[in-house]
């Protein structure tokens, strides 16, 4: 049986749901969907964490852990742009995702990445060269052309399966 590892870029996943799909998806149903590809050996969820520990966010993270996800968090930083006078909040976990993909590479046959971030192009190319299968789940508005090129037929448009994954 194919062994599958799931890697979710939480920030990208959140924006796909709120800005593109207009609905929240159930992480438990996502696990069920991914299990059609084989036995899930690991499921990682990467997200920034507020220093103030917002109760709603904490409740969501706790629920993910009980569903079987391994949480990888990083403090959210506030970045000030002196040219525009604006601030933005960011917790970039791309490096952590790629490190976990390659540090656990012997534990899976297929990686499932929930992110359309173009920064993952090289990692996916290297997985392919190492003989690993992969799937990329993203929405059309949140998938970089570089990812579409490397994923080809292994890209799954979340918009097409959103009704199956909708949070009740």
N, C-alpha and C. Protein backbone atom coordinates (compact mmCIF):
# COMPACT_ATOMS: atom_id res chain seq x y z
N UNK A 1 0.84 -1.19 0.00
CA UNK A 1 0.00 0.00 0.00
C UNK A 1 0.88 1.25 0.00
N UNK A 2 0.43 2.27 -0.71
CA UNK A 2 1.14 3.53 -0.80
C UNK A 2 1.08 4.26 0.54
N UNK A 3 2.24 4.72 1.00
CA UNK A 3 2.32 5.51 2.24
C UNK A 3 2.29 6.99 1.86
N UNK A 4 1.43 7.74 2.52
CA UNK A 4 1.19 9.14 2.16
C UNK A 4 1.51 10.06 3.34
N UNK A 5 2.18 11.17 3.03
CA UNK A 5 2.41 12.22 4.02
C UNK A 5 1.73 13.49 3.53
N UNK A 6 1.00 14.14 4.42
CA UNK A 6 0.24 15.34 4.10
C UNK A 6 0.93 16.55 4.73
N UNK A 7 1.16 17.57 3.92
CA UNK A 7 1.82 18.80 4.36
C UNK A 7 0.90 19.98 4.03
N UNK A 8 0.36 20.65 5.06
CA UNK A 8 -0.57 21.76 4.84
C UNK A 8 0.07 23.07 5.25
N UNK A 9 0.19 23.97 4.29
CA UNK A 9 0.61 25.35 4.54
C UNK A 9 -0.64 26.07 5.07
N UNK A 10 -0.76 26.18 6.38
CA UNK A 10 -1.97 26.69 7.01
C UNK A 10 -2.40 28.06 6.54
N UNK A 11 -1.47 28.95 6.35
CA UNK A 11 -1.79 30.30 5.90
C UNK A 11 -2.38 30.27 4.49
N UNK A 12 -1.72 29.55 3.59
CA UNK A 12 -2.19 29.42 2.22
C UNK A 12 -3.56 28.75 2.19
N UNK A 13 -3.73 27.71 3.01
CA UNK A 13 -4.99 26.98 3.09
C UNK A 13 -6.11 27.91 3.58
N UNK A 14 -5.82 28.73 4.58
CA UNK A 14 -6.80 29.67 5.12
C UNK A 14 -7.26 30.66 4.05
N UNK A 15 -6.29 31.25 3.32
CA UNK A 15 -6.64 32.24 2.31
C UNK A 15 -7.38 31.62 1.13
N UNK A 16 -7.05 30.40 0.78
CA UNK A 16 -7.80 29.72 -0.29
C UNK A 16 -9.27 29.59 0.12
N UNK A 17 -9.51 29.25 1.38
CA UNK A 17 -10.88 29.06 1.86
C UNK A 17 -11.64 30.38 1.93
N UNK A 18 -11.02 31.39 2.54
CA UNK A 18 -11.74 32.63 2.81
C UNK A 18 -11.80 33.57 1.61
N UNK A 19 -10.77 33.59 0.80
CA UNK A 19 -10.74 34.54 -0.31
C UNK A 19 -11.15 33.93 -1.65
N UNK A 20 -11.06 32.63 -1.79
CA UNK A 20 -11.33 32.01 -3.08
C UNK A 20 -12.58 31.13 -3.04
N UNK A 21 -12.67 30.27 -2.04
CA UNK A 21 -13.79 29.34 -1.98
C UNK A 21 -15.02 29.95 -1.30
N UNK A 22 -14.80 30.89 -0.41
CA UNK A 22 -15.92 31.50 0.31
C UNK A 22 -16.58 30.55 1.29
N UNK A 23 -15.86 29.54 1.69
CA UNK A 23 -16.37 28.57 2.67
C UNK A 23 -15.20 27.91 3.38
N UNK A 24 -15.47 27.43 4.59
CA UNK A 24 -14.44 26.74 5.34
C UNK A 24 -14.50 25.26 5.04
N UNK A 25 -13.32 24.65 4.97
CA UNK A 25 -13.21 23.22 4.73
C UNK A 25 -12.88 22.52 6.04
N UNK A 26 -13.32 21.30 6.16
CA UNK A 26 -13.13 20.51 7.38
C UNK A 26 -11.81 19.74 7.27
N UNK A 27 -10.85 20.04 8.15
CA UNK A 27 -9.57 19.33 8.10
C UNK A 27 -9.70 17.82 8.26
N UNK A 28 -10.73 17.36 8.97
CA UNK A 28 -10.97 15.91 9.13
C UNK A 28 -11.39 15.31 7.79
N UNK A 29 -12.26 16.02 7.07
CA UNK A 29 -12.69 15.55 5.75
C UNK A 29 -11.53 15.58 4.76
N UNK A 30 -10.63 16.54 4.95
CA UNK A 30 -9.44 16.59 4.10
C UNK A 30 -8.58 15.35 4.32
N UNK A 31 -8.42 14.95 5.58
CA UNK A 31 -7.69 13.71 5.88
C UNK A 31 -8.35 12.52 5.20
N UNK A 32 -9.67 12.45 5.27
CA UNK A 32 -10.40 11.36 4.63
C UNK A 32 -10.19 11.37 3.12
N UNK A 33 -10.21 12.55 2.52
CA UNK A 33 -9.99 12.67 1.08
C UNK A 33 -8.60 12.17 0.70
N UNK A 34 -7.60 12.60 1.45
CA UNK A 34 -6.21 12.24 1.15
C UNK A 34 -5.99 10.73 1.35
N UNK A 35 -6.75 10.12 2.23
CA UNK A 35 -6.57 8.69 2.49
C UNK A 35 -6.91 7.82 1.28
N UNK A 36 -7.60 8.38 0.29
CA UNK A 36 -7.86 7.62 -0.93
C UNK A 36 -6.58 7.32 -1.71
N UNK A 37 -5.52 8.07 -1.44
CA UNK A 37 -4.25 7.87 -2.13
C UNK A 37 -3.39 6.81 -1.46
N UNK A 38 -3.74 6.42 -0.23
CA UNK A 38 -2.99 5.41 0.50
C UNK A 38 -3.09 5.63 2.00
N UNK A 39 -2.26 4.93 2.72
CA UNK A 39 -2.24 5.04 4.18
C UNK A 39 -1.49 6.30 4.59
N UNK A 40 -2.15 7.16 5.35
CA UNK A 40 -1.51 8.40 5.80
C UNK A 40 -0.57 8.06 6.96
N UNK A 41 0.71 8.28 6.73
CA UNK A 41 1.71 8.01 7.77
C UNK A 41 1.96 9.23 8.64
N UNK A 42 1.80 10.42 8.05
CA UNK A 42 2.00 11.67 8.78
C UNK A 42 1.12 12.74 8.17
N UNK A 43 0.62 13.64 9.01
CA UNK A 43 -0.15 14.80 8.55
C UNK A 43 0.36 16.00 9.34
N UNK A 44 0.98 16.93 8.62
CA UNK A 44 1.55 18.11 9.26
C UNK A 44 0.73 19.35 8.89
N UNK A 45 0.54 20.20 9.88
CA UNK A 45 -0.17 21.47 9.67
C UNK A 45 0.74 22.58 10.17
N UNK A 46 1.12 23.49 9.27
CA UNK A 46 2.06 24.56 9.58
C UNK A 46 1.32 25.88 9.65
N UNK A 47 1.51 26.61 10.76
CA UNK A 47 0.80 27.87 10.91
C UNK A 47 1.53 28.83 11.83
N UNK A 48 1.28 30.11 11.58
CA UNK A 48 1.78 31.13 12.49
C UNK A 48 0.88 31.18 13.71
N UNK A 49 1.48 31.56 14.82
CA UNK A 49 0.73 31.60 16.07
C UNK A 49 0.87 32.98 16.69
N UNK A 50 -0.28 33.55 17.06
CA UNK A 50 -0.28 34.85 17.72
C UNK A 50 0.36 34.75 19.10
N UNK A 51 1.11 35.78 19.49
CA UNK A 51 1.69 35.81 20.83
C UNK A 51 0.60 35.92 21.89
N UNK A 52 -0.52 36.54 21.52
CA UNK A 52 -1.60 36.74 22.47
C UNK A 52 -2.43 35.47 22.69
N UNK A 53 -2.18 34.44 21.89
CA UNK A 53 -2.89 33.16 22.01
C UNK A 53 -4.40 33.35 21.98
N UNK A 54 -4.87 33.86 20.86
CA UNK A 54 -6.29 34.02 20.60
C UNK A 54 -7.03 32.71 20.90
N UNK A 55 -8.10 32.79 21.68
CA UNK A 55 -8.83 31.59 22.12
C UNK A 55 -9.40 30.80 20.95
N UNK A 56 -9.91 31.49 19.93
CA UNK A 56 -10.48 30.81 18.77
C UNK A 56 -9.40 30.05 18.00
N UNK A 57 -8.25 30.72 17.81
CA UNK A 57 -7.14 30.06 17.12
C UNK A 57 -6.64 28.87 17.93
N UNK A 58 -6.52 29.03 19.22
CA UNK A 58 -6.03 27.94 20.07
C UNK A 58 -6.98 26.75 20.02
N UNK A 59 -8.26 27.00 20.02
CA UNK A 59 -9.26 25.94 19.94
C UNK A 59 -9.12 25.18 18.63
N UNK A 60 -8.90 25.90 17.53
CA UNK A 60 -8.71 25.27 16.22
C UNK A 60 -7.46 24.41 16.21
N UNK A 61 -6.36 24.93 16.74
CA UNK A 61 -5.11 24.18 16.78
C UNK A 61 -5.24 22.93 17.64
N UNK A 62 -5.92 23.06 18.77
CA UNK A 62 -6.15 21.90 19.64
C UNK A 62 -6.97 20.84 18.91
N UNK A 63 -7.99 21.26 18.17
CA UNK A 63 -8.82 20.32 17.42
C UNK A 63 -8.00 19.60 16.36
N UNK A 64 -7.11 20.33 15.68
CA UNK A 64 -6.25 19.70 14.67
C UNK A 64 -5.41 18.59 15.28
N UNK A 65 -4.86 18.85 16.45
CA UNK A 65 -4.03 17.85 17.11
C UNK A 65 -4.84 16.59 17.43
N UNK A 66 -6.08 16.77 17.87
CA UNK A 66 -6.93 15.62 18.18
C UNK A 66 -7.36 14.86 16.93
N UNK A 67 -7.36 15.54 15.79
CA UNK A 67 -7.69 14.87 14.52
C UNK A 67 -6.53 14.03 14.01
N UNK A 68 -5.33 14.28 14.55
CA UNK A 68 -4.17 13.51 14.11
C UNK A 68 -3.08 14.32 13.44
N UNK A 69 -3.27 15.61 13.33
CA UNK A 69 -2.25 16.45 12.71
C UNK A 69 -1.12 16.73 13.70
N UNK A 70 0.09 16.74 13.19
CA UNK A 70 1.24 17.25 13.95
C UNK A 70 1.33 18.73 13.62
N UNK A 71 1.32 19.56 14.65
CA UNK A 71 1.35 21.00 14.46
C UNK A 71 2.78 21.52 14.48
N UNK A 72 3.07 22.38 13.52
CA UNK A 72 4.35 23.08 13.48
C UNK A 72 3.99 24.55 13.46
N UNK A 73 4.35 25.26 14.52
CA UNK A 73 3.98 26.67 14.63
C UNK A 73 5.23 27.54 14.72
N UNK A 74 5.00 28.79 14.43
CA UNK A 74 6.06 29.79 14.48
C UNK A 74 5.37 31.10 14.88
N UNK A 75 6.00 31.90 15.73
CA UNK A 75 5.38 33.18 16.11
C UNK A 75 5.17 34.07 14.88
N UNK A 76 4.03 34.75 14.86
CA UNK A 76 3.74 35.70 13.79
C UNK A 76 4.52 36.98 14.08
N UNK A 77 5.22 37.47 13.05
CA UNK A 77 5.97 38.71 13.18
C UNK A 77 5.20 39.84 12.53
N UNK A 78 5.33 41.02 13.10
CA UNK A 78 4.75 42.21 12.49
C UNK A 78 5.88 42.95 11.78
N UNK A 79 5.70 43.16 10.49
CA UNK A 79 6.74 43.78 9.67
C UNK A 79 6.24 45.15 9.21
N UNK A 80 7.03 46.17 9.50
CA UNK A 80 6.69 47.54 9.13
C UNK A 80 7.43 47.90 7.85
N UNK A 81 6.69 48.45 6.89
CA UNK A 81 7.28 48.93 5.63
C UNK A 81 7.37 50.45 5.71
N UNK A 82 8.58 50.99 5.90
CA UNK A 82 8.72 52.44 6.07
C UNK A 82 8.36 53.22 4.80
N UNK A 83 8.44 52.60 3.65
CA UNK A 83 8.11 53.31 2.40
C UNK A 83 6.61 53.55 2.27
N UNK A 84 5.81 52.61 2.71
CA UNK A 84 4.36 52.76 2.58
C UNK A 84 3.70 53.12 3.90
N UNK A 85 4.42 52.94 5.01
CA UNK A 85 3.86 53.22 6.32
C UNK A 85 2.88 52.15 6.79
N UNK A 86 2.89 51.01 6.12
CA UNK A 86 1.96 49.94 6.47
C UNK A 86 2.69 48.82 7.21
N UNK A 87 1.91 48.05 7.92
CA UNK A 87 2.46 46.87 8.59
C UNK A 87 1.73 45.64 8.06
N UNK A 88 2.43 44.53 8.10
CA UNK A 88 1.79 43.26 7.75
C UNK A 88 2.29 42.21 8.71
N UNK A 89 1.47 41.21 8.90
CA UNK A 89 1.81 40.13 9.83
C UNK A 89 2.18 38.90 9.01
N UNK A 90 3.25 38.23 9.44
CA UNK A 90 3.76 37.13 8.63
C UNK A 90 4.46 36.10 9.51
N UNK A 91 4.27 34.84 9.14
CA UNK A 91 5.03 33.74 9.77
C UNK A 91 5.32 32.75 8.65
N UNK A 92 6.42 32.93 7.99
CA UNK A 92 6.75 32.11 6.83
C UNK A 92 7.29 30.75 7.29
N UNK A 93 6.58 29.69 6.95
CA UNK A 93 6.98 28.34 7.35
C UNK A 93 7.40 27.47 6.17
N UNK A 94 7.69 28.08 5.02
CA UNK A 94 8.08 27.31 3.84
C UNK A 94 9.31 26.44 4.10
N UNK A 95 10.29 26.98 4.80
CA UNK A 95 11.52 26.22 5.08
C UNK A 95 11.20 25.01 5.94
N UNK A 96 10.36 25.20 6.93
CA UNK A 96 9.99 24.08 7.81
C UNK A 96 9.28 22.98 7.02
N UNK A 97 8.40 23.37 6.10
CA UNK A 97 7.69 22.39 5.29
C UNK A 97 8.68 21.58 4.44
N UNK A 98 9.57 22.27 3.76
CA UNK A 98 10.54 21.59 2.89
C UNK A 98 11.48 20.70 3.72
N UNK A 99 11.93 21.20 4.86
CA UNK A 99 12.80 20.38 5.71
C UNK A 99 12.09 19.10 6.15
N UNK A 100 10.83 19.23 6.56
CA UNK A 100 10.08 18.04 6.98
C UNK A 100 9.83 17.09 5.81
N UNK A 101 9.59 17.63 4.62
CA UNK A 101 9.41 16.77 3.44
C UNK A 101 10.63 15.88 3.22
N UNK A 102 11.81 16.46 3.39
CA UNK A 102 13.03 15.71 3.10
C UNK A 102 13.57 14.95 4.31
N UNK A 103 13.32 15.43 5.52
CA UNK A 103 13.75 14.68 6.71
C UNK A 103 12.90 13.44 6.96
N UNK A 104 11.69 13.41 6.39
CA UNK A 104 10.81 12.25 6.56
C UNK A 104 10.63 11.47 5.26
N UNK A 105 11.44 11.74 4.28
CA UNK A 105 11.26 11.19 2.93
C UNK A 105 11.21 9.66 2.88
N UNK A 106 11.87 9.00 3.82
CA UNK A 106 11.85 7.53 3.84
C UNK A 106 10.54 6.97 4.42
N UNK A 107 9.72 7.84 5.00
CA UNK A 107 8.48 7.40 5.64
C UNK A 107 7.27 7.40 4.71
N UNK A 108 7.42 7.90 3.48
CA UNK A 108 6.27 7.98 2.58
C UNK A 108 6.67 7.71 1.14
N UNK A 109 5.66 7.33 0.36
CA UNK A 109 5.82 7.13 -1.08
C UNK A 109 5.25 8.31 -1.86
N UNK A 110 4.27 8.98 -1.24
CA UNK A 110 3.61 10.12 -1.88
C UNK A 110 3.47 11.27 -0.88
N UNK A 111 3.83 12.46 -1.34
CA UNK A 111 3.62 13.67 -0.55
C UNK A 111 2.40 14.39 -1.11
N UNK A 112 1.54 14.86 -0.24
CA UNK A 112 0.40 15.69 -0.64
C UNK A 112 0.63 17.05 -0.01
N UNK A 113 0.77 18.05 -0.87
CA UNK A 113 1.02 19.42 -0.43
C UNK A 113 -0.23 20.25 -0.64
N UNK A 114 -0.71 20.88 0.42
CA UNK A 114 -1.83 21.80 0.32
C UNK A 114 -1.25 23.21 0.36
N UNK A 115 -0.92 23.70 -0.81
CA UNK A 115 -0.37 25.04 -1.00
C UNK A 115 -0.10 25.21 -2.48
N UNK A 116 -0.28 26.42 -2.95
CA UNK A 116 0.04 26.71 -4.34
C UNK A 116 1.22 27.64 -4.46
N UNK A 117 1.93 27.83 -3.36
CA UNK A 117 3.05 28.76 -3.29
C UNK A 117 4.18 28.31 -4.23
N UNK A 118 4.59 29.22 -5.10
CA UNK A 118 5.65 28.94 -6.07
C UNK A 118 6.98 28.58 -5.44
N UNK A 119 7.17 28.92 -4.16
CA UNK A 119 8.42 28.59 -3.48
C UNK A 119 8.64 27.09 -3.36
N UNK A 120 7.59 26.30 -3.56
CA UNK A 120 7.71 24.85 -3.43
C UNK A 120 8.07 24.15 -4.75
N UNK A 121 8.26 24.91 -5.81
CA UNK A 121 8.57 24.31 -7.12
C UNK A 121 9.81 23.41 -7.05
N UNK A 122 10.88 23.92 -6.50
CA UNK A 122 12.14 23.15 -6.45
C UNK A 122 11.98 21.90 -5.59
N UNK A 123 11.32 22.02 -4.45
CA UNK A 123 11.13 20.87 -3.57
C UNK A 123 10.35 19.77 -4.29
N UNK A 124 9.29 20.14 -5.02
CA UNK A 124 8.50 19.14 -5.74
C UNK A 124 9.31 18.50 -6.86
N UNK A 125 10.12 19.30 -7.55
CA UNK A 125 10.99 18.75 -8.59
C UNK A 125 11.98 17.75 -8.01
N UNK A 126 12.52 18.08 -6.85
CA UNK A 126 13.47 17.17 -6.20
C UNK A 126 12.79 15.90 -5.70
N UNK A 127 11.56 16.01 -5.20
CA UNK A 127 10.82 14.81 -4.80
C UNK A 127 10.63 13.89 -6.00
N UNK A 128 10.26 14.48 -7.12
CA UNK A 128 10.06 13.71 -8.36
C UNK A 128 11.35 13.01 -8.77
N UNK A 129 12.49 13.72 -8.68
CA UNK A 129 13.77 13.12 -9.06
C UNK A 129 14.20 12.02 -8.11
N UNK A 130 13.67 12.04 -6.89
CA UNK A 130 13.96 10.99 -5.90
C UNK A 130 12.97 9.83 -6.01
N UNK A 131 12.10 9.86 -7.02
CA UNK A 131 11.16 8.77 -7.23
C UNK A 131 9.91 8.84 -6.39
N UNK A 132 9.64 9.98 -5.79
CA UNK A 132 8.45 10.14 -4.96
C UNK A 132 7.29 10.67 -5.80
N UNK A 133 6.11 10.18 -5.49
CA UNK A 133 4.89 10.70 -6.09
C UNK A 133 4.45 11.90 -5.26
N UNK A 134 3.66 12.78 -5.87
CA UNK A 134 3.10 13.88 -5.10
C UNK A 134 1.81 14.35 -5.73
N UNK A 135 1.02 15.01 -4.91
CA UNK A 135 -0.19 15.70 -5.33
C UNK A 135 -0.11 17.10 -4.74
N UNK A 136 -0.67 18.06 -5.46
CA UNK A 136 -0.76 19.44 -4.98
C UNK A 136 -2.23 19.82 -4.97
N UNK A 137 -2.72 20.26 -3.82
CA UNK A 137 -4.10 20.73 -3.69
C UNK A 137 -4.07 22.23 -3.47
N UNK A 138 -4.74 22.95 -4.36
CA UNK A 138 -4.81 24.41 -4.26
C UNK A 138 -6.00 24.87 -5.10
N UNK A 139 -6.26 26.16 -5.05
CA UNK A 139 -7.30 26.74 -5.89
C UNK A 139 -6.62 27.51 -7.02
N UNK A 140 -7.36 27.75 -8.09
CA UNK A 140 -6.80 28.41 -9.27
C UNK A 140 -6.18 29.77 -8.95
N UNK A 141 -6.80 30.52 -8.05
CA UNK A 141 -6.27 31.84 -7.72
C UNK A 141 -5.10 31.80 -6.75
N UNK A 142 -4.83 30.63 -6.18
CA UNK A 142 -3.74 30.52 -5.20
C UNK A 142 -2.73 29.46 -5.60
N UNK A 143 -2.58 29.22 -6.89
CA UNK A 143 -1.55 28.28 -7.35
C UNK A 143 -0.66 29.01 -8.35
N UNK A 144 0.62 29.01 -8.07
CA UNK A 144 1.59 29.66 -8.95
C UNK A 144 1.77 28.84 -10.23
N UNK A 145 2.05 29.53 -11.31
CA UNK A 145 2.25 28.84 -12.59
C UNK A 145 3.40 27.84 -12.51
N UNK A 146 4.42 28.13 -11.69
CA UNK A 146 5.54 27.20 -11.52
C UNK A 146 5.07 25.88 -10.93
N UNK A 147 4.14 25.97 -10.00
CA UNK A 147 3.60 24.76 -9.36
C UNK A 147 2.75 23.99 -10.37
N UNK A 148 1.94 24.68 -11.14
CA UNK A 148 1.13 24.00 -12.16
C UNK A 148 2.03 23.26 -13.15
N UNK A 149 3.14 23.89 -13.54
CA UNK A 149 4.05 23.25 -14.51
C UNK A 149 4.69 21.99 -13.94
N UNK A 150 5.13 22.04 -12.69
CA UNK A 150 5.81 20.87 -12.12
C UNK A 150 4.80 19.79 -11.72
N UNK A 151 3.59 20.20 -11.31
CA UNK A 151 2.59 19.23 -10.86
C UNK A 151 1.87 18.55 -12.02
N UNK A 152 1.59 19.31 -13.07
CA UNK A 152 0.88 18.72 -14.21
C UNK A 152 -0.40 18.04 -13.78
N UNK A 153 -0.55 16.78 -14.14
CA UNK A 153 -1.77 16.03 -13.82
C UNK A 153 -1.91 15.71 -12.34
N UNK A 154 -0.90 16.05 -11.55
CA UNK A 154 -0.94 15.77 -10.11
C UNK A 154 -1.48 16.95 -9.30
N UNK A 155 -1.99 17.95 -10.03
CA UNK A 155 -2.64 19.10 -9.38
C UNK A 155 -4.12 18.80 -9.22
N UNK A 156 -4.65 19.08 -8.02
CA UNK A 156 -6.07 18.92 -7.75
C UNK A 156 -6.62 20.29 -7.35
N UNK A 157 -7.61 20.74 -8.10
CA UNK A 157 -8.23 22.03 -7.83
C UNK A 157 -9.20 21.87 -6.66
N UNK A 158 -8.88 22.50 -5.54
CA UNK A 158 -9.74 22.41 -4.36
C UNK A 158 -11.17 22.88 -4.62
N UNK A 159 -11.34 23.78 -5.56
CA UNK A 159 -12.68 24.26 -5.89
C UNK A 159 -13.57 23.12 -6.37
N UNK A 160 -12.97 22.15 -7.05
CA UNK A 160 -13.74 21.04 -7.61
C UNK A 160 -14.16 20.00 -6.57
N UNK A 161 -13.51 20.01 -5.42
CA UNK A 161 -13.84 19.04 -4.37
C UNK A 161 -14.33 19.72 -3.08
N UNK A 162 -14.47 21.04 -3.12
CA UNK A 162 -14.82 21.80 -1.91
C UNK A 162 -16.12 21.33 -1.28
N UNK A 163 -17.12 20.99 -2.09
CA UNK A 163 -18.40 20.55 -1.53
C UNK A 163 -18.24 19.27 -0.70
N UNK A 164 -17.33 18.40 -1.10
CA UNK A 164 -17.07 17.17 -0.35
C UNK A 164 -16.35 17.44 0.96
N UNK A 165 -15.63 18.58 1.02
CA UNK A 165 -14.80 18.89 2.18
C UNK A 165 -15.40 19.98 3.06
N UNK A 166 -16.56 20.48 2.68
CA UNK A 166 -17.18 21.61 3.39
C UNK A 166 -17.35 21.29 4.87
N UNK A 167 -17.06 22.31 5.66
CA UNK A 167 -17.25 22.19 7.12
C UNK A 167 -18.74 22.30 7.41
N UNK A 168 -19.27 21.35 8.19
CA UNK A 168 -20.70 21.35 8.52
C UNK A 168 -21.02 22.35 9.61
